[in-house]
Amino acid sequence: MQKILITGNKGYVGVLLCELLKKNDHYVKGVDINWFTKKKQNIEFVDDQLNFSIDKLENKHFKGVDCVVHLAGVSNDPMSEEFKTETYDVNFHQSKKLYNLAKKNNVKKFIFASSCSLYGFANKSLKNEKSVCNPLTNYSKTKFLFEKFLNKKEDNIEKVILRFGTAAGVSNNFRLDLAINNLIYSGIKNNIIKVMSNGKPFRPFIDTEDMCRSIIYFIESKLTRKKNTYNIGINKNNIQVLELAKLISKKLQVPYEVNTLAADDKRTYKVNFNKIKKESTKLIKKFKSIERIVDELIVFMKSKNFQPGKINFRLEYLKDNYLKKNKKLI
């Protein structure tokens, strides 16, 4: 059994990761600022819960910790554009402090949840881990900056950078501000799928459960290198938004509508996932296709367990509770 410290453990991916880690008999210690959850919410799979920002972590919180999984941060493009200063503070500066504390307290492994979005405008070829990055938003720029920070570190911590595709799928802390989730909800609620862009951008999609499986794989693996960077996903899940809308339209049997007047979205990229496939074919074989992700989400959103909120709930919540009240976000 390993002792795992997870930052952002109550988030969209974090809540599921905690559950799967407990099933694998690990000790789970979580730290979350609770922007979108209550203190006693989503802690049934956590052995020790800390309810504050990662900036408040101290040496004592790392006692016995074998591995840090860093999920916490300002987590999408709209929030990062509205809260630029806070995004750089949390996603970069506080992340550096977190890493230095882990190093000081002899943590063996540090896993960082990065993003394929840092490839930016790159729809002509599949981008691999050695491709030039072109981050276009504050969110992706801070991911890129922290990656550079980690890669400059010459020490004994095993560093794992996981560049995830665009997240989708079921979670106890569900998000509607993600492409697949959003399009399905639009189709179910309005009987029409409204694509806000012109449908041209490409994205690589990955299910939340597969993200968690990947993290656990690297937690439990014996690494041969001190620095490890992987694109995480499968090649066949690179899809154009228009084709995604058509797929969901067919599944729900409702029409779709594309905003043909929208300007081209520069955030378009297709990603090569051959490196992780070569590393662990067994892991990748379990990854869900887009069709399966969509099917599972439709079942989930039509169930009585689904409690829909506003699509831009997270951004609106932060604006209402911090910007309008002149309160600090962190």
C-alpha atoms as a PDB file:
ATOM      1  CA  MET A   1       0.000   0.000   0.000  1.00  0.00           C
ATOM      2  CA  GLN A   2       1.285   3.424  -0.967  1.00  0.00           C
ATOM      3  CA  LYS A   3       0.336   6.753   0.574  1.00  0.00           C
ATOM      4  CA  ILE A   4      -0.877   9.068  -2.182  1.00  0.00           C
ATOM      5  CA  LEU A   5      -1.418  12.826  -1.831  1.00  0.00           C
ATOM      6  CA  ILE A   6      -3.905  14.085  -4.425  1.00  0.00           C
ATOM      7  CA  THR A   7      -4.382  17.798  -5.031  1.00  0.00           C
ATOM      8  CA  GLY A   8      -7.806  18.757  -6.375  1.00  0.00           C
ATOM      9  CA  ASN A   9      -9.135  15.402  -5.178  1.00  0.00           C
ATOM     10  CA  LYS A  10     -12.768  16.573  -5.172  1.00  0.00           C
ATOM     11  CA  GLY A  11     -12.722  17.694  -8.788  1.00  0.00           C
ATOM     12  CA  TYR A  12     -14.149  16.096 -11.929  1.00  0.00           C
ATOM     13  CA  VAL A  13     -11.345  13.529 -12.218  1.00  0.00           C
ATOM     14  CA  GLY A  14     -10.179  13.549  -8.600  1.00  0.00           C
ATOM     15  CA  VAL A  15     -13.324  12.055  -7.065  1.00  0.00           C
ATOM     16  CA  LEU A  16     -13.143   9.023  -9.348  1.00  0.00           C
ATOM     17  CA  LEU A  17      -9.394   8.642  -8.863  1.00  0.00           C
ATOM     18  CA  CYS A  18      -9.853   8.471  -5.086  1.00  0.00           C
ATOM     19  CA  GLU A  19     -12.433   5.706  -5.460  1.00  0.00           C
ATOM     20  CA  LEU A  20     -10.236   3.625  -7.759  1.00  0.00           C
ATOM     21  CA  LEU A  21      -7.166   4.111  -5.581  1.00  0.00           C
ATOM     22  CA  LYS A  22      -9.044   2.824  -2.538  1.00  0.00           C
ATOM     23  CA  LYS A  23     -10.110  -0.227  -4.537  1.00  0.00           C
ATOM     24  CA  ASN A  24      -6.400  -0.795  -5.172  1.00  0.00           C
ATOM     25  CA  ASP A  25      -5.739  -0.617  -1.413  1.00  0.00           C
ATOM     26  CA  HIS A  26      -3.832   2.675  -1.370  1.00  0.00           C
ATOM     27  CA  TYR A  27      -3.933   5.282   1.399  1.00  0.00           C
ATOM     28  CA  VAL A  28      -5.495   8.452  -0.019  1.00  0.00           C
ATOM     29  CA  LYS A  29      -4.794  11.931   1.313  1.00  0.00           C
ATOM     30  CA  GLY A  30      -6.672  14.716  -0.450  1.00  0.00           C
ATOM     31  CA  VAL A  31      -6.297  18.486  -0.532  1.00  0.00           C
ATOM     32  CA  ASP A  32      -8.958  20.657  -2.147  1.00  0.00           C
ATOM     33  CA  ILE A  33      -9.937  24.310  -1.847  1.00  0.00           C
ATOM     34  CA  ASN A  34     -13.659  23.434  -2.220  1.00  0.00           C
ATOM     35  CA  TRP A  35     -14.559  26.018  -4.834  1.00  0.00           C
ATOM     36  CA  PHE A  36     -17.334  23.799  -6.157  1.00  0.00           C
ATOM     37  CA  THR A  37     -17.908  21.287  -3.338  1.00  0.00           C
ATOM     38  CA  LYS A  38     -18.682  21.306   0.351  1.00  0.00           C
ATOM     39  CA  LYS A  39     -16.135  20.259   2.966  1.00  0.00           C
ATOM     40  CA  LYS A  40     -17.901  16.981   3.764  1.00  0.00           C
ATOM     41  CA  GLN A  41     -18.769  16.198   0.164  1.00  0.00           C
ATOM     42  CA  ASN A  42     -16.965  13.522  -1.898  1.00  0.00           C
ATOM     43  CA  ILE A  43     -14.771  12.234   0.926  1.00  0.00           C
ATOM     44  CA  GLU A  44     -16.048   8.645   1.238  1.00  0.00           C
ATOM     45  CA  PHE A  45     -12.913   7.313  -0.494  1.00  0.00           C
ATOM     46  CA  VAL A  46     -10.404   9.548   1.300  1.00  0.00           C
ATOM     47  CA  ASP A  47      -8.457   8.572   4.424  1.00  0.00           C
ATOM     48  CA  ASP A  48      -7.383  12.117   5.256  1.00  0.00           C
ATOM     49  CA  GLN A  49      -8.995  15.256   3.775  1.00  0.00           C
ATOM     50  CA  LEU A  50      -7.406  18.720   3.853  1.00  0.00           C
ATOM     51  CA  ASN A  51      -9.786  21.563   2.959  1.00  0.00           C
ATOM     52  CA  PHE A  52      -7.587  24.418   1.802  1.00  0.00           C
ATOM     53  CA  SER A  53      -5.521  25.568  -1.191  1.00  0.00           C
ATOM     54  CA  ILE A  54      -2.255  23.849  -2.087  1.00  0.00           C
ATOM     55  CA  ASP A  55      -0.508  27.070  -1.058  1.00  0.00           C
ATOM     56  CA  LYS A  56      -1.347  26.229   2.565  1.00  0.00           C
ATOM     57  CA  LEU A  57       0.437  22.859   2.532  1.00  0.00           C
ATOM     58  CA  GLU A  58       3.315  22.447   4.977  1.00  0.00           C
ATOM     59  CA  ASN A  59       6.055  19.900   5.597  1.00  0.00           C
ATOM     60  CA  LYS A  60       3.895  18.017   8.101  1.00  0.00           C
ATOM     61  CA  HIS A  61       1.316  17.212   5.426  1.00  0.00           C
ATOM     62  CA  PHE A  62       3.884  15.164   3.459  1.00  0.00           C
ATOM     63  CA  LYS A  63       4.770  12.774   6.261  1.00  0.00           C
ATOM     64  CA  GLY A  64       4.921   9.264   4.844  1.00  0.00           C
ATOM     65  CA  VAL A  65       3.701  10.359   1.394  1.00  0.00           C
ATOM     66  CA  ASP A  66       5.114   8.182  -1.397  1.00  0.00           C
ATOM     67  CA  CYS A  67       3.559   9.913  -4.395  1.00  0.00           C
ATOM     68  CA  VAL A  68       1.940  13.268  -5.205  1.00  0.00           C
ATOM     69  CA  VAL A  69      -0.709  13.414  -7.938  1.00  0.00           C
ATOM     70  CA  HIS A  70      -1.183  17.048  -8.918  1.00  0.00           C
ATOM     71  CA  LEU A  71      -4.653  17.672 -10.371  1.00  0.00           C
ATOM     72  CA  ALA A  72      -5.502  21.015  -8.736  1.00  0.00           C
ATOM     73  CA  GLY A  73      -5.696  24.210 -10.750  1.00  0.00           C
ATOM     74  CA  VAL A  74      -7.846  26.684 -12.630  1.00  0.00           C
ATOM     75  CA  SER A  75      -9.221  24.079 -14.961  1.00  0.00           C
ATOM     76  CA  ASN A  76     -10.531  25.516 -18.228  1.00  0.00           C
ATOM     77  CA  ASP A  77      -9.935  28.247 -20.807  1.00  0.00           C
ATOM     78  CA  PRO A  78     -12.824  30.614 -19.889  1.00  0.00           C
ATOM     79  CA  MET A  79     -11.883  30.671 -16.198  1.00  0.00           C
ATOM     80  CA  SER A  80      -8.203  31.138 -17.015  1.00  0.00           C
ATOM     81  CA  GLU A  81      -8.981  34.116 -19.242  1.00  0.00           C
ATOM     82  CA  GLU A  82     -11.262  35.759 -16.635  1.00  0.00           C
ATOM     83  CA  PHE A  83      -8.887  35.038 -13.752  1.00  0.00           C
ATOM     84  CA  LYS A  84      -5.483  35.403 -15.427  1.00  0.00           C
ATOM     85  CA  THR A  85      -3.497  36.429 -12.337  1.00  0.00           C
ATOM     86  CA  GLU A  86      -4.994  33.660 -10.224  1.00  0.00           C
ATOM     87  CA  THR A  87      -4.413  31.099 -12.968  1.00  0.00           C
ATOM     88  CA  TYR A  88      -0.691  31.858 -13.102  1.00  0.00           C
ATOM     89  CA  ASP A  89      -0.526  31.884  -9.311  1.00  0.00           C
ATOM     90  CA  VAL A  90      -2.234  28.512  -8.804  1.00  0.00           C
ATOM     91  CA  ASN A  91      -1.240  26.611 -11.930  1.00  0.00           C
ATOM     92  CA  PHE A  92       2.371  27.744 -11.959  1.00  0.00           C
ATOM     93  CA  HIS A  93       3.684  29.469  -8.830  1.00  0.00           C
ATOM     94  CA  GLN A  94       1.792  27.406  -6.249  1.00  0.00           C
ATOM     95  CA  SER A  95       2.549  24.274  -8.250  1.00  0.00           C
ATOM     96  CA  LYS A  96       6.274  25.032  -7.999  1.00  0.00           C
ATOM     97  CA  LYS A  97       5.951  25.423  -4.241  1.00  0.00           C
ATOM     98  CA  LEU A  98       4.090  22.097  -4.076  1.00  0.00           C
ATOM     99  CA  TYR A  99       6.861  20.333  -5.967  1.00  0.00           C
ATOM    100  CA  ASN A 100       9.598  21.843  -3.807  1.00  0.00           C
ATOM    101  CA  LEU A 101       7.793  20.694  -0.667  1.00  0.00           C
ATOM    102  CA  ALA A 102       7.483  17.195  -2.106  1.00  0.00           C
ATOM    103  CA  LYS A 103      11.204  17.182  -2.868  1.00  0.00           C
ATOM    104  CA  LYS A 104      12.109  18.494   0.577  1.00  0.00           C
ATOM    105  CA  ASN A 105      10.087  15.728   2.206  1.00  0.00           C
ATOM    106  CA  ASN A 106      11.558  12.899   0.123  1.00  0.00           C
ATOM    107  CA  VAL A 107       8.461  12.083  -1.933  1.00  0.00           C
ATOM    108  CA  LYS A 108       9.487   9.403  -4.431  1.00  0.00           C
ATOM    109  CA  LYS A 109       7.179  10.236  -7.348  1.00  0.00           C
ATOM    110  CA  PHE A 110       5.395  13.350  -8.652  1.00  0.00           C
ATOM    111  CA  ILE A 111       2.647  12.938 -11.267  1.00  0.00           C
ATOM    112  CA  PHE A 112       1.384  16.056 -13.031  1.00  0.00           C
ATOM    113  CA  ALA A 113      -1.906  16.148 -14.950  1.00  0.00           C
ATOM    114  CA  SER A 114      -1.031  18.257 -17.979  1.00  0.00           C
ATOM    115  CA  SER A 115      -2.991  18.699 -21.199  1.00  0.00           C
ATOM    116  CA  CYS A 116      -2.752  18.081 -24.939  1.00  0.00           C
ATOM    117  CA  SER A 117      -4.175  21.597 -25.330  1.00  0.00           C
ATOM    118  CA  LEU A 118      -0.645  22.954 -25.111  1.00  0.00           C
ATOM    119  CA  TYR A 119      -0.158  21.823 -28.743  1.00  0.00           C
ATOM    120  CA  GLY A 120      -2.476  24.708 -29.673  1.00  0.00           C
ATOM    121  CA  PHE A 121      -2.952  25.182 -33.412  1.00  0.00           C
ATOM    122  CA  ALA A 122      -1.853  21.864 -34.896  1.00  0.00           C
ATOM    123  CA  ASN A 123      -4.486  20.171 -37.020  1.00  0.00           C
ATOM    124  CA  LYS A 124      -2.328  19.160 -39.981  1.00  0.00           C
ATOM    125  CA  SER A 125      -0.422  16.322 -38.334  1.00  0.00           C
ATOM    126  CA  LEU A 126      -0.555  14.138 -35.242  1.00  0.00           C
ATOM    127  CA  LYS A 127       1.509  15.734 -32.486  1.00  0.00           C
ATOM    128  CA  ASN A 128       3.772  13.534 -30.391  1.00  0.00           C
ATOM    129  CA  GLU A 129       5.642  14.235 -27.169  1.00  0.00           C
ATOM    130  CA  LYS A 130       8.603  15.737 -29.065  1.00  0.00           C
ATOM    131  CA  SER A 131       6.485  18.113 -31.155  1.00  0.00           C
ATOM    132  CA  VAL A 132       6.762  21.862 -30.655  1.00  0.00           C
ATOM    133  CA  CYS A 133       4.142  23.180 -28.232  1.00  0.00           C
ATOM    134  CA  ASN A 134       2.066  26.246 -29.060  1.00  0.00           C
ATOM    135  CA  PRO A 135      -0.159  27.007 -26.043  1.00  0.00           C
ATOM    136  CA  LEU A 136      -2.790  29.642 -26.827  1.00  0.00           C
ATOM    137  CA  THR A 137      -4.641  30.257 -23.549  1.00  0.00           C
ATOM    138  CA  ASN A 138      -3.631  31.078 -19.997  1.00  0.00           C
ATOM    139  CA  TYR A 139      -4.713  27.571 -19.001  1.00  0.00           C
ATOM    140  CA  SER A 140      -2.467  25.821 -21.527  1.00  0.00           C
ATOM    141  CA  LYS A 141       0.379  28.328 -21.099  1.00  0.00           C
ATOM    142  CA  THR A 142       0.578  27.640 -17.360  1.00  0.00           C
ATOM    143  CA  LYS A 143       0.527  23.887 -17.987  1.00  0.00           C
ATOM    144  CA  PHE A 144       3.433  24.366 -20.381  1.00  0.00           C
ATOM    145  CA  LEU A 145       5.375  26.559 -17.952  1.00  0.00           C
ATOM    146  CA  PHE A 146       5.080  24.039 -15.134  1.00  0.00           C
ATOM    147  CA  GLU A 147       6.156  21.232 -17.474  1.00  0.00           C
ATOM    148  CA  LYS A 148       9.298  23.251 -18.291  1.00  0.00           C
ATOM    149  CA  PHE A 149       9.906  23.763 -14.572  1.00  0.00           C
ATOM    150  CA  LEU A 150       9.675  20.021 -13.896  1.00  0.00           C
ATOM    151  CA  ASN A 151      11.926  19.113 -16.795  1.00  0.00           C
ATOM    152  CA  LYS A 152      14.664  21.456 -15.571  1.00  0.00           C
ATOM    153  CA  LYS A 153      14.766  19.739 -12.193  1.00  0.00           C
ATOM    154  CA  GLU A 154      17.741  17.420 -11.741  1.00  0.00           C
ATOM    155  CA  ASP A 155      16.908  15.482  -8.583  1.00  0.00           C
ATOM    156  CA  ASN A 156      15.825  12.064  -7.371  1.00  0.00           C
ATOM    157  CA  ILE A 157      12.054  12.492  -7.680  1.00  0.00           C
ATOM    158  CA  GLU A 158      10.509  10.454 -10.481  1.00  0.00           C
ATOM    159  CA  LYS A 159       8.574  12.998 -12.509  1.00  0.00           C
ATOM    160  CA  VAL A 160       5.629  11.934 -14.692  1.00  0.00           C
ATOM    161  CA  ILE A 161       3.910  14.427 -17.000  1.00  0.00           C
ATOM    162  CA  LEU A 162       0.640  13.131 -18.438  1.00  0.00           C
ATOM    163  CA  ARG A 163      -0.746  15.192 -21.314  1.00  0.00           C
ATOM    164  CA  PHE A 164      -4.394  14.201 -21.318  1.00  0.00           C
ATOM    165  CA  GLY A 165      -6.794  14.598 -24.202  1.00  0.00           C
ATOM    166  CA  THR A 166     -10.034  16.538 -23.697  1.00  0.00           C
ATOM    167  CA  ALA A 167     -11.860  14.968 -20.758  1.00  0.00           C
ATOM    168  CA  ALA A 168     -15.346  13.493 -21.008  1.00  0.00           C
ATOM    169  CA  GLY A 169     -17.408  10.956 -19.105  1.00  0.00           C
ATOM    170  CA  VAL A 170     -19.236  10.265 -15.881  1.00  0.00           C
ATOM    171  CA  SER A 171     -18.167  11.658 -12.494  1.00  0.00           C
ATOM    172  CA  ASN A 172     -19.686  12.393  -9.084  1.00  0.00           C
ATOM    173  CA  ASN A 173     -18.546  15.981  -9.610  1.00  0.00           C
ATOM    174  CA  PHE A 174     -19.868  16.313 -13.138  1.00  0.00           C
ATOM    175  CA  ARG A 175     -18.926  19.082 -15.570  1.00  0.00           C
ATOM    176  CA  LEU A 176     -21.101  20.406 -18.373  1.00  0.00           C
ATOM    177  CA  ASP A 177     -18.463  22.809 -19.698  1.00  0.00           C
ATOM    178  CA  LEU A 178     -16.684  20.053 -21.639  1.00  0.00           C
ATOM    179  CA  ALA A 179     -17.368  19.379 -25.318  1.00  0.00           C
ATOM    180  CA  ILE A 180     -18.884  15.879 -25.347  1.00  0.00           C
ATOM    181  CA  ASN A 181     -20.754  16.379 -22.069  1.00  0.00           C
ATOM    182  CA  ASN A 182     -22.097  19.712 -23.286  1.00  0.00           C
ATOM    183  CA  LEU A 183     -23.293  18.491 -26.685  1.00  0.00           C
ATOM    184  CA  ILE A 184     -25.108  15.492 -25.218  1.00  0.00           C
ATOM    185  CA  TYR A 185     -26.807  17.618 -22.576  1.00  0.00           C
ATOM    186  CA  SER A 186     -27.845  20.131 -25.232  1.00  0.00           C
ATOM    187  CA  GLY A 187     -29.409  17.357 -27.293  1.00  0.00           C
ATOM    188  CA  ILE A 188     -31.295  15.837 -24.370  1.00  0.00           C
ATOM    189  CA  LYS A 189     -32.529  19.121 -22.895  1.00  0.00           C
ATOM    190  CA  ASN A 190     -33.354  21.044 -26.065  1.00  0.00           C
ATOM    191  CA  ASN A 191     -33.964  18.245 -28.581  1.00  0.00           C
ATOM    192  CA  ILE A 192     -31.326  19.867 -30.764  1.00  0.00           C
ATOM    193  CA  ILE A 193     -27.543  19.826 -30.570  1.00  0.00           C
ATOM    194  CA  LYS A 194     -26.165  23.336 -30.844  1.00  0.00           C
ATOM    195  CA  VAL A 195     -22.496  23.586 -31.778  1.00  0.00           C
ATOM    196  CA  MET A 196     -21.254  27.046 -30.829  1.00  0.00           C
ATOM    197  CA  SER A 197     -18.206  26.835 -33.111  1.00  0.00           C
ATOM    198  CA  ASN A 198     -18.171  26.209 -36.856  1.00  0.00           C
ATOM    199  CA  GLY A 199     -17.382  22.571 -36.120  1.00  0.00           C
ATOM    200  CA  LYS A 200     -13.941  22.568 -37.755  1.00  0.00           C
ATOM    201  CA  PRO A 201     -11.658  22.109 -34.702  1.00  0.00           C
ATOM    202  CA  PHE A 202     -10.160  18.703 -33.943  1.00  0.00           C
ATOM    203  CA  ARG A 203      -9.859  17.347 -30.412  1.00  0.00           C
ATOM    204  CA  PRO A 204      -8.565  14.095 -28.880  1.00  0.00           C
ATOM    205  CA  PHE A 205     -11.053  12.836 -26.261  1.00  0.00           C
ATOM    206  CA  ILE A 206     -10.512  10.620 -23.233  1.00  0.00           C
ATOM    207  CA  ASP A 207     -12.862   9.197 -20.616  1.00  0.00           C
ATOM    208  CA  THR A 208     -12.462  10.128 -16.946  1.00  0.00           C
ATOM    209  CA  GLU A 209     -12.031   6.492 -15.940  1.00  0.00           C
ATOM    210  CA  ASP A 210      -9.232   6.034 -18.465  1.00  0.00           C
ATOM    211  CA  MET A 211      -7.514   9.127 -17.111  1.00  0.00           C
ATOM    212  CA  CYS A 212      -7.616   7.598 -13.652  1.00  0.00           C
ATOM    213  CA  ARG A 213      -6.422   4.200 -14.881  1.00  0.00           C
ATOM    214  CA  SER A 214      -3.427   5.930 -16.460  1.00  0.00           C
ATOM    215  CA  ILE A 215      -2.539   7.771 -13.266  1.00  0.00           C
ATOM    216  CA  ILE A 216      -2.763   4.559 -11.235  1.00  0.00           C
ATOM    217  CA  TYR A 217      -0.626   2.756 -13.806  1.00  0.00           C
ATOM    218  CA  PHE A 218       2.173   5.279 -13.270  1.00  0.00           C
ATOM    219  CA  ILE A 219       1.711   5.298  -9.497  1.00  0.00           C
ATOM    220  CA  GLU A 220       2.252   1.543  -9.396  1.00  0.00           C
ATOM    221  CA  SER A 221       4.875   1.240 -12.147  1.00  0.00           C
ATOM    222  CA  LYS A 222       8.593   1.038 -11.522  1.00  0.00           C
ATOM    223  CA  LEU A 223      10.036   3.760 -13.726  1.00  0.00           C
ATOM    224  CA  THR A 224      13.405   3.538 -15.443  1.00  0.00           C
ATOM    225  CA  ARG A 225      13.760   7.299 -15.974  1.00  0.00           C
ATOM    226  CA  LYS A 226      13.544  10.330 -13.688  1.00  0.00           C
ATOM    227  CA  LYS A 227      11.617  12.333 -16.310  1.00  0.00           C
ATOM    228  CA  ASN A 228       8.654  10.878 -18.183  1.00  0.00           C
ATOM    229  CA  THR A 229       6.220  12.661 -20.533  1.00  0.00           C
ATOM    230  CA  TYR A 230       3.295  10.923 -22.232  1.00  0.00           C
ATOM    231  CA  ASN A 231       0.331  11.908 -24.342  1.00  0.00           C
ATOM    232  CA  ILE A 232      -2.566   9.961 -22.816  1.00  0.00           C
ATOM    233  CA  GLY A 233      -5.391   8.780 -25.057  1.00  0.00           C
ATOM    234  CA  ILE A 234      -5.948   6.700 -28.199  1.00  0.00           C
ATOM    235  CA  ASN A 235      -5.438   7.752 -31.800  1.00  0.00           C
ATOM    236  CA  LYS A 236      -8.930   6.849 -32.971  1.00  0.00           C
ATOM    237  CA  ASN A 237     -10.439   9.335 -30.496  1.00  0.00           C
ATOM    238  CA  ASN A 238      -9.080  12.291 -32.491  1.00  0.00           C
ATOM    239  CA  ILE A 239     -12.258  13.702 -33.995  1.00  0.00           C
ATOM    240  CA  GLN A 240     -13.545  16.897 -35.554  1.00  0.00           C
ATOM    241  CA  VAL A 241     -16.248  18.652 -33.521  1.00  0.00           C
ATOM    242  CA  LEU A 242     -18.628  18.499 -36.493  1.00  0.00           C
ATOM    243  CA  GLU A 243     -18.243  14.718 -36.725  1.00  0.00           C
ATOM    244  CA  LEU A 244     -18.755  14.480 -32.979  1.00  0.00           C
ATOM    245  CA  ALA A 245     -22.016  16.410 -33.269  1.00  0.00           C
ATOM    246  CA  LYS A 246     -23.156  14.094 -36.062  1.00  0.00           C
ATOM    247  CA  LEU A 247     -22.389  11.030 -33.939  1.00  0.00           C
ATOM    248  CA  ILE A 248     -24.309  12.348 -30.928  1.00  0.00           C
ATOM    249  CA  SER A 249     -27.151  13.473 -33.194  1.00  0.00           C
ATOM    250  CA  LYS A 250     -27.486   9.937 -34.526  1.00  0.00           C
ATOM    251  CA  LYS A 251     -27.369   8.417 -31.038  1.00  0.00           C
ATOM    252  CA  LEU A 252     -30.027  10.776 -29.648  1.00  0.00           C
ATOM    253  CA  GLN A 253     -32.019  10.964 -32.870  1.00  0.00           C
ATOM    254  CA  VAL A 254     -32.187  14.753 -32.727  1.00  0.00           C
ATOM    255  CA  PRO A 255     -30.893  17.317 -35.262  1.00  0.00           C
ATOM    256  CA  TYR A 256     -27.680  19.294 -34.877  1.00  0.00           C
ATOM    257  CA  GLU A 257     -26.954  22.921 -35.705  1.00  0.00           C
ATOM    258  CA  VAL A 258     -23.520  24.408 -36.405  1.00  0.00           C
ATOM    259  CA  ASN A 259     -22.653  28.101 -36.075  1.00  0.00           C
ATOM    260  CA  THR A 260     -21.394  28.635 -39.614  1.00  0.00           C
ATOM    261  CA  LEU A 261     -20.726  32.320 -38.882  1.00  0.00           C
ATOM    262  CA  ALA A 262     -18.255  31.556 -36.096  1.00  0.00           C
ATOM    263  CA  ALA A 263     -14.599  32.333 -36.763  1.00  0.00           C
ATOM    264  CA  ASP A 264     -12.183  29.429 -36.978  1.00  0.00           C
ATOM    265  CA  ASP A 265     -11.080  28.235 -33.547  1.00  0.00           C
ATOM    266  CA  LYS A 266      -7.273  28.274 -33.361  1.00  0.00           C
ATOM    267  CA  ARG A 267      -7.396  25.618 -30.648  1.00  0.00           C
ATOM    268  CA  THR A 268      -7.368  22.627 -32.944  1.00  0.00           C
ATOM    269  CA  TYR A 269      -5.013  19.672 -32.659  1.00  0.00           C
ATOM    270  CA  LYS A 270      -4.702  15.953 -33.340  1.00  0.00           C
ATOM    271  CA  VAL A 271      -2.457  13.914 -31.109  1.00  0.00           C
ATOM    272  CA  ASN A 272      -0.297  10.820 -31.505  1.00  0.00           C
ATOM    273  CA  PHE A 273      -0.647   8.369 -28.602  1.00  0.00           C
ATOM    274  CA  ASN A 274       1.725   5.665 -29.850  1.00  0.00           C
ATOM    275  CA  LYS A 275       4.226   6.154 -27.016  1.00  0.00           C
ATOM    276  CA  ILE A 276       1.803   5.168 -24.243  1.00  0.00           C
ATOM    277  CA  LYS A 277       0.460   2.362 -26.442  1.00  0.00           C
ATOM    278  CA  LYS A 278       3.979   0.974 -26.735  1.00  0.00           C
ATOM    279  CA  GLU A 279       4.555   1.459 -22.999  1.00  0.00           C
ATOM    280  CA  SER A 280       1.449  -0.493 -21.999  1.00  0.00           C
ATOM    281  CA  THR A 281      -0.730  -2.114 -24.631  1.00  0.00           C
ATOM    282  CA  LYS A 282      -2.723  -3.725 -21.811  1.00  0.00           C
ATOM    283  CA  LEU A 283      -3.666  -0.307 -20.406  1.00  0.00           C
ATOM    284  CA  ILE A 284      -4.601   1.175 -23.773  1.00  0.00           C
ATOM    285  CA  LYS A 285      -6.754  -1.793 -24.774  1.00  0.00           C
ATOM    286  CA  LYS A 286      -9.154  -0.845 -21.979  1.00  0.00           C
ATOM    287  CA  PHE A 287      -9.536   2.750 -23.146  1.00  0.00           C
ATOM    288  CA  LYS A 288     -13.063   3.674 -24.206  1.00  0.00           C
ATOM    289  CA  SER A 289     -13.917   4.703 -27.738  1.00  0.00           C
ATOM    290  CA  ILE A 290     -15.826   7.927 -28.319  1.00  0.00           C
ATOM    291  CA  GLU A 291     -18.900   5.835 -29.141  1.00  0.00           C
ATOM    292  CA  ARG A 292     -18.743   4.111 -25.755  1.00  0.00           C
ATOM    293  CA  ILE A 293     -18.124   7.383 -23.916  1.00  0.00           C
ATOM    294  CA  VAL A 294     -21.179   8.898 -25.607  1.00  0.00           C
ATOM    295  CA  ASP A 295     -23.347   5.846 -24.871  1.00  0.00           C
ATOM    296  CA  GLU A 296     -22.423   5.857 -21.170  1.00  0.00           C
ATOM    297  CA  LEU A 297     -23.043   9.588 -20.874  1.00  0.00           C
ATOM    298  CA  ILE A 298     -26.465   9.342 -22.501  1.00  0.00           C
ATOM    299  CA  VAL A 299     -27.485   6.642 -20.022  1.00  0.00           C
ATOM    300  CA  PHE A 300     -26.114   8.724 -17.140  1.00  0.00           C
ATOM    301  CA  MET A 301     -27.797  11.979 -18.189  1.00  0.00           C
ATOM    302  CA  LYS A 302     -31.137  10.267 -18.676  1.00  0.00           C
ATOM    303  CA  SER A 303     -30.988   8.620 -15.248  1.00  0.00           C
ATOM    304  CA  LYS A 304     -32.593   9.979 -12.105  1.00  0.00           C
ATOM    305  CA  ASN A 305     -29.119  10.277 -10.545  1.00  0.00           C
ATOM    306  CA  PHE A 306     -28.170  13.081 -12.929  1.00  0.00           C
ATOM    307  CA  GLN A 307     -28.525  16.536 -11.400  1.00  0.00           C
ATOM    308  CA  PRO A 308     -27.914  19.088 -14.165  1.00  0.00           C
ATOM    309  CA  GLY A 309     -26.561  22.520 -13.435  1.00  0.00           C
ATOM    310  CA  LYS A 310     -25.685  25.496 -15.580  1.00  0.00           C
ATOM    311  CA  ILE A 311     -23.241  24.783 -18.390  1.00  0.00           C
ATOM    312  CA  ASN A 312     -20.940  27.619 -17.281  1.00  0.00           C
ATOM    313  CA  PHE A 313     -21.597  27.041 -13.586  1.00  0.00           C
ATOM    314  CA  ARG A 314     -17.948  27.120 -12.544  1.00  0.00           C
ATOM    315  CA  LEU A 315     -17.126  30.419 -14.213  1.00  0.00           C
ATOM    316  CA  GLU A 316     -20.367  32.065 -13.082  1.00  0.00           C
ATOM    317  CA  TYR A 317     -19.878  30.807  -9.530  1.00  0.00           C
ATOM    318  CA  LEU A 318     -16.379  32.276  -9.280  1.00  0.00           C
ATOM    319  CA  LYS A 319     -17.542  35.577 -10.749  1.00  0.00           C
ATOM    320  CA  ASP A 320     -20.496  35.832  -8.357  1.00  0.00           C
ATOM    321  CA  ASN A 321     -18.587  34.823  -5.239  1.00  0.00           C
ATOM    322  CA  TYR A 322     -15.291  36.556  -5.881  1.00  0.00           C
ATOM    323  CA  LEU A 323     -15.274  39.201  -8.621  1.00  0.00           C
ATOM    324  CA  LYS A 324     -18.621  40.815  -7.734  1.00  0.00           C
ATOM    325  CA  LYS A 325     -17.801  40.784  -4.019  1.00  0.00           C
ATOM    326  CA  ASN A 326     -14.183  41.917  -4.481  1.00  0.00           C
ATOM    327  CA  LYS A 327     -13.002  38.831  -2.621  1.00  0.00           C
ATOM    328  CA  LYS A 328      -9.753  36.991  -3.312  1.00  0.00           C
ATOM    329  CA  LEU A 329     -10.104  33.738  -5.242  1.00  0.00           C
ATOM    330  CA  ILE A 330      -7.186  32.202  -3.362  1.00  0.00           C
END
